[in-house]
């Protein structure tokens, strides 16, 4: 039985990075198709009660860092806890992924590669040349995708509003065909369980 998972995330989210490879494994194991939606949490947070990191209380910021260290150690996934290139200041990476999706290319693999480039390798995902190189490492036409990216600005905003309408409020989130939402990389095992993977 084939089914689709809507995958919502931020290209700047360490939690999206920590969940990305594990989600790819689930998608492959179940044979699910995945609709890949890098979205703008600057649109989602104000309407869902979330706050961007700099506006969170010192206690919440300190706990976030503690949790990142714990999850790094627990999962054995390398992560640069405070990358020089965080947060990404432009939507270019997200729009490049959307361009790949629109072209029928592997947007899921590209999203994983971009998250890895930022959070493992501290590469600048705002830089068009870096993004093109990341895409080309997957056998994609990186320059064509980066050049096409700005044309997807309206799609980026529309996907963000659509995610909000489906109940998405944090990154990463997965929405099943029946509308069930799973939020956070720490819900991967529940998603795996629900999908029988």
N, C-alpha and C. Protein backbone atom coordinates (compact mmCIF):
# COMPACT_ATOMS: atom_id res chain seq x y z
N UNK A 1 0.85 -1.19 0.00
CA UNK A 1 0.00 0.00 0.00
C UNK A 1 0.88 1.24 0.00
N UNK A 2 0.69 2.12 -0.98
CA UNK A 2 1.49 3.32 -1.03
C UNK A 2 0.75 4.46 -0.34
N UNK A 3 1.50 5.36 0.25
CA UNK A 3 0.92 6.51 0.91
C UNK A 3 1.94 7.63 0.89
N UNK A 4 1.48 8.82 1.21
CA UNK A 4 2.34 9.99 1.16
C UNK A 4 2.48 10.61 2.54
N UNK A 5 3.68 11.06 2.84
CA UNK A 5 3.96 11.79 4.08
C UNK A 5 4.33 13.22 3.70
N UNK A 6 3.66 14.19 4.29
CA UNK A 6 4.05 15.59 4.13
C UNK A 6 5.10 15.91 5.19
N UNK A 7 6.24 16.38 4.73
CA UNK A 7 7.40 16.62 5.60
C UNK A 7 7.68 18.12 5.63
N UNK A 8 7.51 18.72 6.80
CA UNK A 8 7.72 20.16 7.00
C UNK A 8 8.94 20.35 7.90
N UNK A 9 9.81 21.27 7.50
CA UNK A 9 11.05 21.48 8.26
C UNK A 9 11.63 22.84 7.93
N UNK A 10 12.64 23.21 8.67
CA UNK A 10 13.41 24.43 8.40
C UNK A 10 14.83 24.04 8.05
N UNK A 11 15.39 24.68 7.04
CA UNK A 11 16.77 24.40 6.65
C UNK A 11 17.75 24.89 7.70
N UNK A 12 17.29 25.68 8.68
CA UNK A 12 18.16 26.16 9.75
C UNK A 12 17.99 25.39 11.06
N UNK A 13 17.15 24.36 11.07
CA UNK A 13 16.80 23.69 12.31
C UNK A 13 17.75 22.54 12.65
N UNK A 14 18.42 22.58 13.81
CA UNK A 14 19.24 21.44 14.20
C UNK A 14 18.41 20.20 14.46
N UNK A 15 17.17 20.40 14.89
CA UNK A 15 16.29 19.26 15.15
C UNK A 15 15.89 18.59 13.83
N UNK A 16 15.69 19.39 12.79
CA UNK A 16 15.44 18.81 11.47
C UNK A 16 16.64 17.99 11.02
N UNK A 17 17.84 18.50 11.27
CA UNK A 17 19.05 17.75 10.92
C UNK A 17 19.13 16.43 11.68
N UNK A 18 18.88 16.47 12.98
CA UNK A 18 18.99 15.25 13.79
C UNK A 18 17.96 14.20 13.39
N UNK A 19 16.84 14.64 12.86
CA UNK A 19 15.82 13.69 12.44
C UNK A 19 15.91 13.27 10.98
N UNK A 20 16.66 14.01 10.19
CA UNK A 20 16.61 13.84 8.74
C UNK A 20 17.03 12.45 8.26
N UNK A 21 18.20 12.02 8.63
CA UNK A 21 18.68 10.72 8.16
C UNK A 21 17.82 9.57 8.65
N UNK A 22 17.32 9.68 9.87
CA UNK A 22 16.46 8.64 10.42
C UNK A 22 15.12 8.60 9.70
N UNK A 23 14.61 9.79 9.31
CA UNK A 23 13.37 9.82 8.55
C UNK A 23 13.57 9.24 7.15
N UNK A 24 14.69 9.53 6.51
CA UNK A 24 14.96 8.95 5.19
C UNK A 24 14.91 7.43 5.26
N UNK A 25 15.46 6.88 6.32
CA UNK A 25 15.45 5.43 6.50
C UNK A 25 14.02 4.91 6.59
N UNK A 26 13.17 5.59 7.35
CA UNK A 26 11.77 5.17 7.49
C UNK A 26 11.04 5.25 6.15
N UNK A 27 11.26 6.34 5.43
CA UNK A 27 10.58 6.50 4.15
C UNK A 27 10.98 5.39 3.18
N UNK A 28 12.26 5.07 3.17
CA UNK A 28 12.72 4.01 2.26
C UNK A 28 12.18 2.65 2.68
N UNK A 29 12.16 2.42 3.98
CA UNK A 29 11.71 1.11 4.48
C UNK A 29 10.23 0.89 4.22
N UNK A 30 9.43 1.93 4.34
CA UNK A 30 7.99 1.79 4.17
C UNK A 30 7.55 1.96 2.71
N UNK A 31 8.43 2.50 1.87
CA UNK A 31 8.05 2.76 0.49
C UNK A 31 7.15 3.96 0.33
N UNK A 32 7.07 4.78 1.38
CA UNK A 32 6.23 5.97 1.31
C UNK A 32 6.81 6.98 0.34
N UNK A 33 5.93 7.72 -0.32
CA UNK A 33 6.38 8.91 -1.02
C UNK A 33 6.38 10.06 -0.03
N UNK A 34 7.22 11.03 -0.27
CA UNK A 34 7.36 12.15 0.66
C UNK A 34 7.21 13.46 -0.12
N UNK A 35 6.31 14.30 0.34
CA UNK A 35 6.20 15.66 -0.18
C UNK A 35 7.04 16.55 0.73
N UNK A 36 8.05 17.16 0.15
CA UNK A 36 9.08 17.87 0.92
C UNK A 36 8.75 19.35 0.95
N UNK A 37 8.54 19.87 2.16
CA UNK A 37 8.15 21.27 2.33
C UNK A 37 9.09 22.00 3.29
N UNK A 38 10.15 22.61 2.78
CA UNK A 38 10.92 23.52 3.63
C UNK A 38 10.08 24.79 3.81
N UNK A 39 9.78 25.15 5.03
CA UNK A 39 8.84 26.26 5.24
C UNK A 39 9.45 27.35 6.10
N UNK A 40 8.74 28.47 6.14
CA UNK A 40 9.20 29.68 6.82
C UNK A 40 8.52 29.75 8.19
N UNK A 41 9.28 29.46 9.22
CA UNK A 41 8.72 29.51 10.57
C UNK A 41 8.52 30.94 11.04
N UNK A 42 9.06 31.90 10.29
CA UNK A 42 8.73 33.30 10.55
C UNK A 42 7.28 33.60 10.25
N UNK A 43 6.66 32.80 9.39
CA UNK A 43 5.22 32.88 9.13
C UNK A 43 4.45 32.03 10.14
N UNK A 44 4.97 30.86 10.45
CA UNK A 44 4.25 29.90 11.29
C UNK A 44 4.27 30.28 12.77
N UNK A 45 5.42 30.67 13.30
CA UNK A 45 5.52 30.94 14.74
C UNK A 45 4.55 32.02 15.24
N UNK A 46 4.44 33.17 14.58
CA UNK A 46 3.55 34.20 15.11
C UNK A 46 2.09 33.77 15.21
N UNK A 47 1.71 32.80 14.37
CA UNK A 47 0.32 32.35 14.36
C UNK A 47 0.10 31.11 15.21
N UNK A 48 1.19 30.53 15.73
CA UNK A 48 1.04 29.28 16.47
C UNK A 48 1.64 29.34 17.88
N UNK A 49 2.08 30.52 18.30
CA UNK A 49 2.60 30.68 19.66
C UNK A 49 4.08 30.37 19.82
N UNK A 50 4.79 30.15 18.72
CA UNK A 50 6.23 29.88 18.80
C UNK A 50 7.03 31.17 18.81
N UNK A 51 8.28 31.06 19.26
CA UNK A 51 9.19 32.19 19.27
C UNK A 51 10.49 31.81 18.58
N UNK A 52 11.06 32.72 17.78
CA UNK A 52 12.39 32.45 17.24
C UNK A 52 13.40 32.39 18.38
N UNK A 53 14.49 31.68 18.16
CA UNK A 53 15.46 31.41 19.22
C UNK A 53 15.90 32.66 19.99
N UNK A 54 16.27 33.76 19.33
CA UNK A 54 16.76 34.92 20.10
C UNK A 54 15.72 35.52 21.04
N UNK A 55 14.44 35.26 20.80
CA UNK A 55 13.39 35.83 21.64
C UNK A 55 12.95 34.90 22.77
N UNK A 56 13.53 33.70 22.83
CA UNK A 56 13.17 32.77 23.90
C UNK A 56 13.88 33.15 25.19
N UNK A 57 13.31 32.74 26.30
CA UNK A 57 13.90 33.05 27.60
C UNK A 57 15.28 32.41 27.74
N UNK A 58 16.15 32.97 28.59
CA UNK A 58 17.47 32.36 28.80
C UNK A 58 17.37 30.90 29.24
N UNK A 59 16.37 30.58 30.05
CA UNK A 59 16.21 29.20 30.50
C UNK A 59 15.94 28.26 29.32
N UNK A 60 15.07 28.68 28.42
CA UNK A 60 14.75 27.85 27.26
C UNK A 60 15.95 27.73 26.31
N UNK A 61 16.70 28.81 26.16
CA UNK A 61 17.88 28.75 25.30
C UNK A 61 18.94 27.81 25.89
N UNK A 62 19.11 27.88 27.20
CA UNK A 62 20.10 27.00 27.86
C UNK A 62 19.66 25.54 27.76
N UNK A 63 18.36 25.30 27.92
CA UNK A 63 17.87 23.92 27.85
C UNK A 63 18.01 23.38 26.43
N UNK A 64 17.76 24.21 25.44
CA UNK A 64 17.94 23.80 24.05
C UNK A 64 19.36 23.29 23.83
N UNK A 65 20.34 24.03 24.31
CA UNK A 65 21.73 23.63 24.12
C UNK A 65 22.03 22.31 24.85
N UNK A 66 21.49 22.18 26.06
CA UNK A 66 21.67 20.94 26.81
C UNK A 66 21.08 19.75 26.06
N UNK A 67 19.89 19.95 25.50
CA UNK A 67 19.22 18.88 24.76
C UNK A 67 19.99 18.52 23.48
N UNK A 68 20.52 19.53 22.79
CA UNK A 68 21.30 19.24 21.59
C UNK A 68 22.51 18.37 21.94
N UNK A 69 23.17 18.66 23.04
CA UNK A 69 24.32 17.85 23.47
C UNK A 69 23.89 16.44 23.82
N UNK A 70 22.77 16.32 24.54
CA UNK A 70 22.29 14.99 24.92
C UNK A 70 21.93 14.16 23.69
N UNK A 71 21.17 14.77 22.77
CA UNK A 71 20.77 14.03 21.58
C UNK A 71 21.97 13.69 20.71
N UNK A 72 22.93 14.59 20.60
CA UNK A 72 24.16 14.29 19.86
C UNK A 72 24.82 13.04 20.42
N UNK A 73 24.95 13.00 21.73
CA UNK A 73 25.63 11.87 22.37
C UNK A 73 24.79 10.59 22.29
N UNK A 74 23.50 10.73 22.48
CA UNK A 74 22.61 9.57 22.48
C UNK A 74 22.53 8.93 21.09
N UNK A 75 22.41 9.76 20.06
CA UNK A 75 22.26 9.25 18.70
C UNK A 75 23.60 8.96 18.02
N UNK A 76 24.67 9.57 18.54
CA UNK A 76 25.96 9.42 17.90
C UNK A 76 26.02 10.14 16.56
N UNK A 77 25.27 11.23 16.44
CA UNK A 77 25.26 12.01 15.20
C UNK A 77 26.11 13.26 15.42
N UNK A 78 27.15 13.45 14.62
CA UNK A 78 27.99 14.64 14.81
C UNK A 78 27.22 15.91 14.49
N UNK A 79 27.41 16.93 15.31
CA UNK A 79 26.73 18.22 15.09
C UNK A 79 27.62 19.33 15.62
N UNK A 80 27.72 20.40 14.85
CA UNK A 80 28.37 21.63 15.32
C UNK A 80 27.29 22.39 16.09
N UNK A 81 27.47 22.52 17.40
CA UNK A 81 26.40 23.06 18.23
C UNK A 81 26.12 24.53 17.98
N UNK A 82 27.15 25.29 17.64
CA UNK A 82 26.98 26.72 17.36
C UNK A 82 27.70 27.06 16.06
N UNK A 83 27.13 26.65 14.94
CA UNK A 83 27.81 26.89 13.66
C UNK A 83 27.92 28.39 13.36
N UNK A 84 29.00 28.74 12.70
CA UNK A 84 29.21 30.14 12.33
C UNK A 84 28.14 30.62 11.37
N UNK A 85 27.55 29.70 10.62
CA UNK A 85 26.60 30.06 9.58
C UNK A 85 25.15 29.89 10.00
N UNK A 86 24.91 29.90 11.30
CA UNK A 86 23.55 29.82 11.84
C UNK A 86 23.19 31.15 12.49
N UNK A 87 21.97 31.62 12.30
CA UNK A 87 20.95 31.05 11.42
C UNK A 87 21.15 31.50 9.98
N UNK A 88 20.67 30.70 9.06
CA UNK A 88 20.67 31.13 7.67
C UNK A 88 19.81 32.39 7.57
N UNK A 89 20.29 33.36 6.83
CA UNK A 89 19.61 34.66 6.80
C UNK A 89 18.72 34.86 5.58
N UNK A 90 18.74 33.89 4.67
CA UNK A 90 17.92 34.04 3.46
C UNK A 90 17.17 32.74 3.20
N UNK A 91 16.14 32.82 2.37
CA UNK A 91 15.38 31.61 2.05
C UNK A 91 15.96 30.83 0.88
N UNK A 92 17.18 31.15 0.45
CA UNK A 92 17.70 30.55 -0.77
C UNK A 92 17.77 29.03 -0.70
N UNK A 93 18.22 28.48 0.43
CA UNK A 93 18.33 27.03 0.54
C UNK A 93 16.95 26.37 0.42
N UNK A 94 15.96 26.93 1.12
CA UNK A 94 14.61 26.38 1.06
C UNK A 94 14.06 26.45 -0.36
N UNK A 95 14.26 27.57 -1.01
CA UNK A 95 13.72 27.75 -2.35
C UNK A 95 14.45 26.87 -3.37
N UNK A 96 15.71 26.55 -3.10
CA UNK A 96 16.45 25.62 -3.97
C UNK A 96 15.86 24.22 -3.85
N UNK A 97 15.49 23.83 -2.63
CA UNK A 97 14.83 22.53 -2.44
C UNK A 97 13.48 22.50 -3.15
N UNK A 98 12.74 23.60 -3.06
CA UNK A 98 11.45 23.68 -3.76
C UNK A 98 11.66 23.58 -5.28
N UNK A 99 12.72 24.22 -5.77
CA UNK A 99 13.03 24.13 -7.20
C UNK A 99 13.31 22.68 -7.60
N UNK A 100 14.01 21.94 -6.75
CA UNK A 100 14.25 20.52 -7.02
C UNK A 100 12.95 19.74 -7.03
N UNK A 101 12.09 20.02 -6.07
CA UNK A 101 10.78 19.35 -6.01
C UNK A 101 9.97 19.63 -7.27
N UNK A 102 9.96 20.90 -7.69
CA UNK A 102 9.19 21.29 -8.87
C UNK A 102 9.72 20.64 -10.14
N UNK A 103 11.02 20.36 -10.15
CA UNK A 103 11.65 19.74 -11.31
C UNK A 103 11.58 18.21 -11.27
N UNK A 104 10.93 17.66 -10.25
CA UNK A 104 10.81 16.22 -10.13
C UNK A 104 12.10 15.54 -9.70
N UNK A 105 13.00 16.30 -9.07
CA UNK A 105 14.26 15.74 -8.61
C UNK A 105 14.16 15.36 -7.14
N UNK A 106 15.19 14.77 -6.60
CA UNK A 106 15.15 14.21 -5.24
C UNK A 106 15.30 15.31 -4.19
N UNK A 107 14.20 15.97 -3.91
CA UNK A 107 14.22 17.07 -2.94
C UNK A 107 14.50 16.56 -1.52
N UNK A 108 14.12 15.32 -1.24
CA UNK A 108 14.36 14.77 0.10
C UNK A 108 15.85 14.58 0.34
N UNK A 109 16.55 14.00 -0.62
CA UNK A 109 18.00 13.84 -0.49
C UNK A 109 18.69 15.19 -0.42
N UNK A 110 18.22 16.16 -1.21
CA UNK A 110 18.82 17.49 -1.19
C UNK A 110 18.61 18.17 0.16
N UNK A 111 17.42 18.01 0.73
CA UNK A 111 17.17 18.61 2.04
C UNK A 111 18.12 18.04 3.09
N UNK A 112 18.33 16.72 3.05
CA UNK A 112 19.25 16.09 4.00
C UNK A 112 20.67 16.60 3.79
N UNK A 113 21.08 16.73 2.54
CA UNK A 113 22.43 17.21 2.25
C UNK A 113 22.64 18.64 2.72
N UNK A 114 21.63 19.48 2.56
CA UNK A 114 21.75 20.88 2.99
C UNK A 114 21.79 20.98 4.52
N UNK A 115 20.93 20.22 5.19
CA UNK A 115 20.95 20.21 6.66
C UNK A 115 22.30 19.72 7.17
N UNK A 116 22.84 18.68 6.54
CA UNK A 116 24.13 18.13 6.93
C UNK A 116 25.25 19.14 6.69
N UNK A 117 25.17 19.85 5.57
CA UNK A 117 26.19 20.84 5.25
C UNK A 117 26.26 21.92 6.34
N UNK A 118 25.11 22.36 6.82
CA UNK A 118 25.10 23.38 7.87
C UNK A 118 25.50 22.82 9.22
N UNK A 119 24.85 21.75 9.65
CA UNK A 119 24.97 21.31 11.04
C UNK A 119 26.12 20.35 11.32
N UNK A 120 26.61 19.67 10.30
CA UNK A 120 27.80 18.84 10.51
C UNK A 120 29.06 19.53 10.03
N UNK A 121 28.95 20.24 8.89
CA UNK A 121 30.14 20.78 8.24
C UNK A 121 30.27 22.29 8.35
N UNK A 122 29.28 22.96 8.93
CA UNK A 122 29.29 24.42 9.10
C UNK A 122 29.54 25.17 7.80
N UNK A 123 28.87 24.70 6.75
CA UNK A 123 28.97 25.39 5.47
C UNK A 123 27.88 26.46 5.38
N UNK A 124 28.12 27.45 4.55
CA UNK A 124 27.22 28.60 4.44
C UNK A 124 26.12 28.29 3.42
N UNK A 125 24.94 27.93 3.92
CA UNK A 125 23.85 27.57 3.01
C UNK A 125 23.13 28.80 2.47
N UNK A 126 23.61 30.00 2.79
CA UNK A 126 23.13 31.22 2.14
C UNK A 126 23.92 31.52 0.88
N UNK A 127 25.04 30.82 0.69
CA UNK A 127 25.92 31.10 -0.43
C UNK A 127 25.49 30.30 -1.66
N UNK A 128 25.17 30.97 -2.77
CA UNK A 128 24.71 30.24 -3.96
C UNK A 128 25.70 29.20 -4.46
N UNK A 129 26.99 29.52 -4.39
CA UNK A 129 28.00 28.57 -4.84
C UNK A 129 28.05 27.32 -3.98
N UNK A 130 27.91 27.49 -2.67
CA UNK A 130 27.88 26.35 -1.76
C UNK A 130 26.66 25.48 -2.04
N UNK A 131 25.51 26.12 -2.21
CA UNK A 131 24.28 25.36 -2.47
C UNK A 131 24.39 24.58 -3.79
N UNK A 132 24.94 25.23 -4.79
CA UNK A 132 25.10 24.54 -6.07
C UNK A 132 26.02 23.33 -5.91
N UNK A 133 27.10 23.50 -5.14
CA UNK A 133 28.04 22.39 -4.93
C UNK A 133 27.39 21.25 -4.16
N UNK A 134 26.55 21.58 -3.18
CA UNK A 134 25.84 20.55 -2.41
C UNK A 134 24.93 19.76 -3.34
N UNK A 135 24.17 20.46 -4.17
CA UNK A 135 23.27 19.78 -5.10
C UNK A 135 24.05 18.94 -6.10
N UNK A 136 25.15 19.47 -6.58
CA UNK A 136 25.94 18.73 -7.58
C UNK A 136 26.56 17.48 -6.98
N UNK A 137 26.82 17.49 -5.67
CA UNK A 137 27.37 16.29 -5.03
C UNK A 137 26.37 15.13 -5.08
N UNK A 138 25.09 15.45 -5.33
CA UNK A 138 24.04 14.44 -5.46
C UNK A 138 23.74 14.11 -6.92
N UNK A 139 24.51 14.70 -7.83
CA UNK A 139 24.27 14.46 -9.24
C UNK A 139 23.21 15.36 -9.84
N UNK A 140 22.81 16.41 -9.12
CA UNK A 140 21.81 17.35 -9.61
C UNK A 140 22.50 18.52 -10.30
N UNK A 141 21.76 19.26 -11.09
CA UNK A 141 22.28 20.46 -11.73
C UNK A 141 22.14 21.62 -10.75
N UNK A 142 23.15 21.76 -9.91
CA UNK A 142 23.07 22.71 -8.82
C UNK A 142 22.88 24.14 -9.26
N UNK A 143 23.60 24.57 -10.28
CA UNK A 143 23.49 25.96 -10.72
C UNK A 143 22.09 26.25 -11.26
N UNK A 144 21.53 25.30 -11.99
CA UNK A 144 20.17 25.49 -12.52
C UNK A 144 19.16 25.60 -11.37
N UNK A 145 19.30 24.76 -10.36
CA UNK A 145 18.37 24.80 -9.23
C UNK A 145 18.49 26.10 -8.45
N UNK A 146 19.73 26.54 -8.19
CA UNK A 146 19.93 27.79 -7.45
C UNK A 146 19.40 28.97 -8.25
N UNK A 147 19.63 28.96 -9.55
CA UNK A 147 19.13 30.06 -10.39
C UNK A 147 17.61 30.08 -10.44
N UNK A 148 16.99 28.90 -10.35
CA UNK A 148 15.52 28.82 -10.39
C UNK A 148 14.89 29.14 -9.04
N UNK A 149 15.68 29.09 -7.97
CA UNK A 149 15.13 29.20 -6.61
C UNK A 149 14.30 30.45 -6.36
N UNK A 150 14.77 31.65 -6.71
CA UNK A 150 13.98 32.85 -6.37
C UNK A 150 12.58 32.87 -6.97
N UNK A 151 12.37 32.16 -8.06
CA UNK A 151 11.05 32.12 -8.68
C UNK A 151 10.04 31.37 -7.82
N UNK A 152 10.52 30.69 -6.78
CA UNK A 152 9.64 29.89 -5.92
C UNK A 152 9.31 30.59 -4.60
N UNK A 153 9.51 31.90 -4.56
CA UNK A 153 9.22 32.65 -3.32
C UNK A 153 7.76 32.52 -2.91
N UNK A 154 6.85 32.61 -3.87
CA UNK A 154 5.43 32.52 -3.53
C UNK A 154 5.06 31.11 -3.06
N UNK A 155 5.68 30.10 -3.67
CA UNK A 155 5.43 28.72 -3.24
C UNK A 155 5.91 28.52 -1.82
N UNK A 156 7.07 29.06 -1.50
CA UNK A 156 7.63 28.98 -0.14
C UNK A 156 6.65 29.54 0.88
N UNK A 157 6.10 30.72 0.59
CA UNK A 157 5.12 31.32 1.50
C UNK A 157 3.83 30.50 1.54
N UNK A 158 3.38 30.03 0.38
CA UNK A 158 2.15 29.24 0.34
C UNK A 158 2.28 27.92 1.07
N UNK A 159 3.43 27.26 0.92
CA UNK A 159 3.66 26.01 1.64
C UNK A 159 3.65 26.24 3.15
N UNK A 160 4.17 27.38 3.58
CA UNK A 160 4.21 27.70 5.01
C UNK A 160 2.80 27.88 5.56
N UNK A 161 1.97 28.58 4.81
CA UNK A 161 0.56 28.76 5.23
C UNK A 161 -0.19 27.43 5.20
N UNK A 162 0.11 26.60 4.20
CA UNK A 162 -0.56 25.30 4.12
C UNK A 162 -0.17 24.41 5.30
N UNK A 163 1.10 24.46 5.68
CA UNK A 163 1.55 23.69 6.84
C UNK A 163 0.84 24.13 8.11
N UNK A 164 0.72 25.42 8.28
CA UNK A 164 0.02 25.97 9.44
C UNK A 164 -1.42 25.48 9.46
N UNK A 165 -2.07 25.46 8.31
CA UNK A 165 -3.46 25.01 8.24
C UNK A 165 -3.60 23.53 8.57
N UNK A 166 -2.53 22.76 8.38
CA UNK A 166 -2.56 21.33 8.70
C UNK A 166 -2.16 21.05 10.15
N UNK A 167 -1.86 22.09 10.91
CA UNK A 167 -1.52 21.91 12.32
C UNK A 167 -0.03 21.93 12.60
N UNK A 168 0.78 22.29 11.63
CA UNK A 168 2.23 22.34 11.82
C UNK A 168 2.59 23.60 12.61
N UNK A 169 3.42 23.45 13.63
CA UNK A 169 3.85 24.60 14.41
C UNK A 169 5.34 24.57 14.77
N UNK A 170 6.02 23.45 14.49
CA UNK A 170 7.44 23.33 14.81
C UNK A 170 8.14 22.47 13.79
N UNK A 171 9.47 22.44 13.90
CA UNK A 171 10.29 21.69 12.93
C UNK A 171 11.14 20.65 13.64
N UNK A 172 11.22 19.46 13.04
CA UNK A 172 10.50 18.98 11.86
C UNK A 172 9.11 18.48 12.24
N UNK A 173 8.24 18.44 11.25
CA UNK A 173 6.90 17.87 11.44
C UNK A 173 6.58 16.99 10.25
N UNK A 174 5.86 15.91 10.53
CA UNK A 174 5.40 15.00 9.49
C UNK A 174 3.89 14.87 9.63
N UNK A 175 3.20 14.96 8.51
CA UNK A 175 1.75 14.87 8.51
C UNK A 175 1.34 13.68 7.64
N UNK A 176 0.59 12.76 8.23
CA UNK A 176 0.13 11.57 7.52
C UNK A 176 -1.15 11.89 6.75
N UNK A 177 -1.54 11.02 5.81
CA UNK A 177 -2.73 11.31 4.99
C UNK A 177 -4.00 11.54 5.79
N UNK A 178 -4.11 10.94 6.98
CA UNK A 178 -5.31 11.15 7.78
C UNK A 178 -5.24 12.43 8.62
N UNK A 179 -4.15 13.20 8.47
CA UNK A 179 -4.01 14.46 9.19
C UNK A 179 -3.24 14.35 10.49
N UNK A 180 -2.82 13.15 10.88
CA UNK A 180 -2.08 13.00 12.13
C UNK A 180 -0.70 13.65 12.00
N UNK A 181 -0.37 14.50 12.97
CA UNK A 181 0.88 15.25 12.96
C UNK A 181 1.85 14.66 13.98
N UNK A 182 3.10 14.53 13.57
CA UNK A 182 4.19 14.15 14.47
C UNK A 182 5.18 15.30 14.45
N UNK A 183 5.43 15.89 15.62
CA UNK A 183 6.34 17.04 15.70
C UNK A 183 7.59 16.66 16.49
N UNK A 184 8.73 16.94 15.88
CA UNK A 184 9.99 16.82 16.59
C UNK A 184 10.75 15.55 16.27
N UNK A 185 12.06 15.67 16.16
CA UNK A 185 12.89 14.49 15.87
C UNK A 185 12.78 13.44 16.97
N UNK A 186 12.37 13.86 18.16
CA UNK A 186 12.20 12.90 19.25
C UNK A 186 10.89 12.12 19.13
N UNK A 187 10.11 12.37 18.07
CA UNK A 187 8.90 11.59 17.81
C UNK A 187 9.11 10.61 16.65
N UNK A 188 10.35 10.48 16.21
CA UNK A 188 10.66 9.57 15.09
C UNK A 188 10.22 8.14 15.41
N UNK A 189 10.46 7.68 16.63
CA UNK A 189 10.09 6.30 16.95
C UNK A 189 8.59 6.12 16.95
N UNK A 190 7.84 7.15 17.34
CA UNK A 190 6.38 7.06 17.26
C UNK A 190 5.92 7.04 15.81
N UNK A 191 6.57 7.83 14.96
CA UNK A 191 6.25 7.80 13.54
C UNK A 191 6.55 6.43 12.95
N UNK A 192 7.70 5.88 13.31
CA UNK A 192 8.09 4.54 12.84
C UNK A 192 7.06 3.50 13.27
N UNK A 193 6.64 3.60 14.52
CA UNK A 193 5.63 2.68 15.06
C UNK A 193 4.30 2.80 14.31
N UNK A 194 3.88 4.04 14.09
CA UNK A 194 2.59 4.26 13.41
C UNK A 194 2.61 3.70 11.99
N UNK A 195 3.78 3.78 11.35
CA UNK A 195 3.89 3.32 9.97
C UNK A 195 4.24 1.83 9.89
N UNK A 196 4.42 1.19 11.04
CA UNK A 196 4.75 -0.23 11.06
C UNK A 196 6.13 -0.53 10.52
N UNK A 197 7.02 0.45 10.67
CA UNK A 197 8.39 0.28 10.14
C UNK A 197 9.33 -0.25 11.20
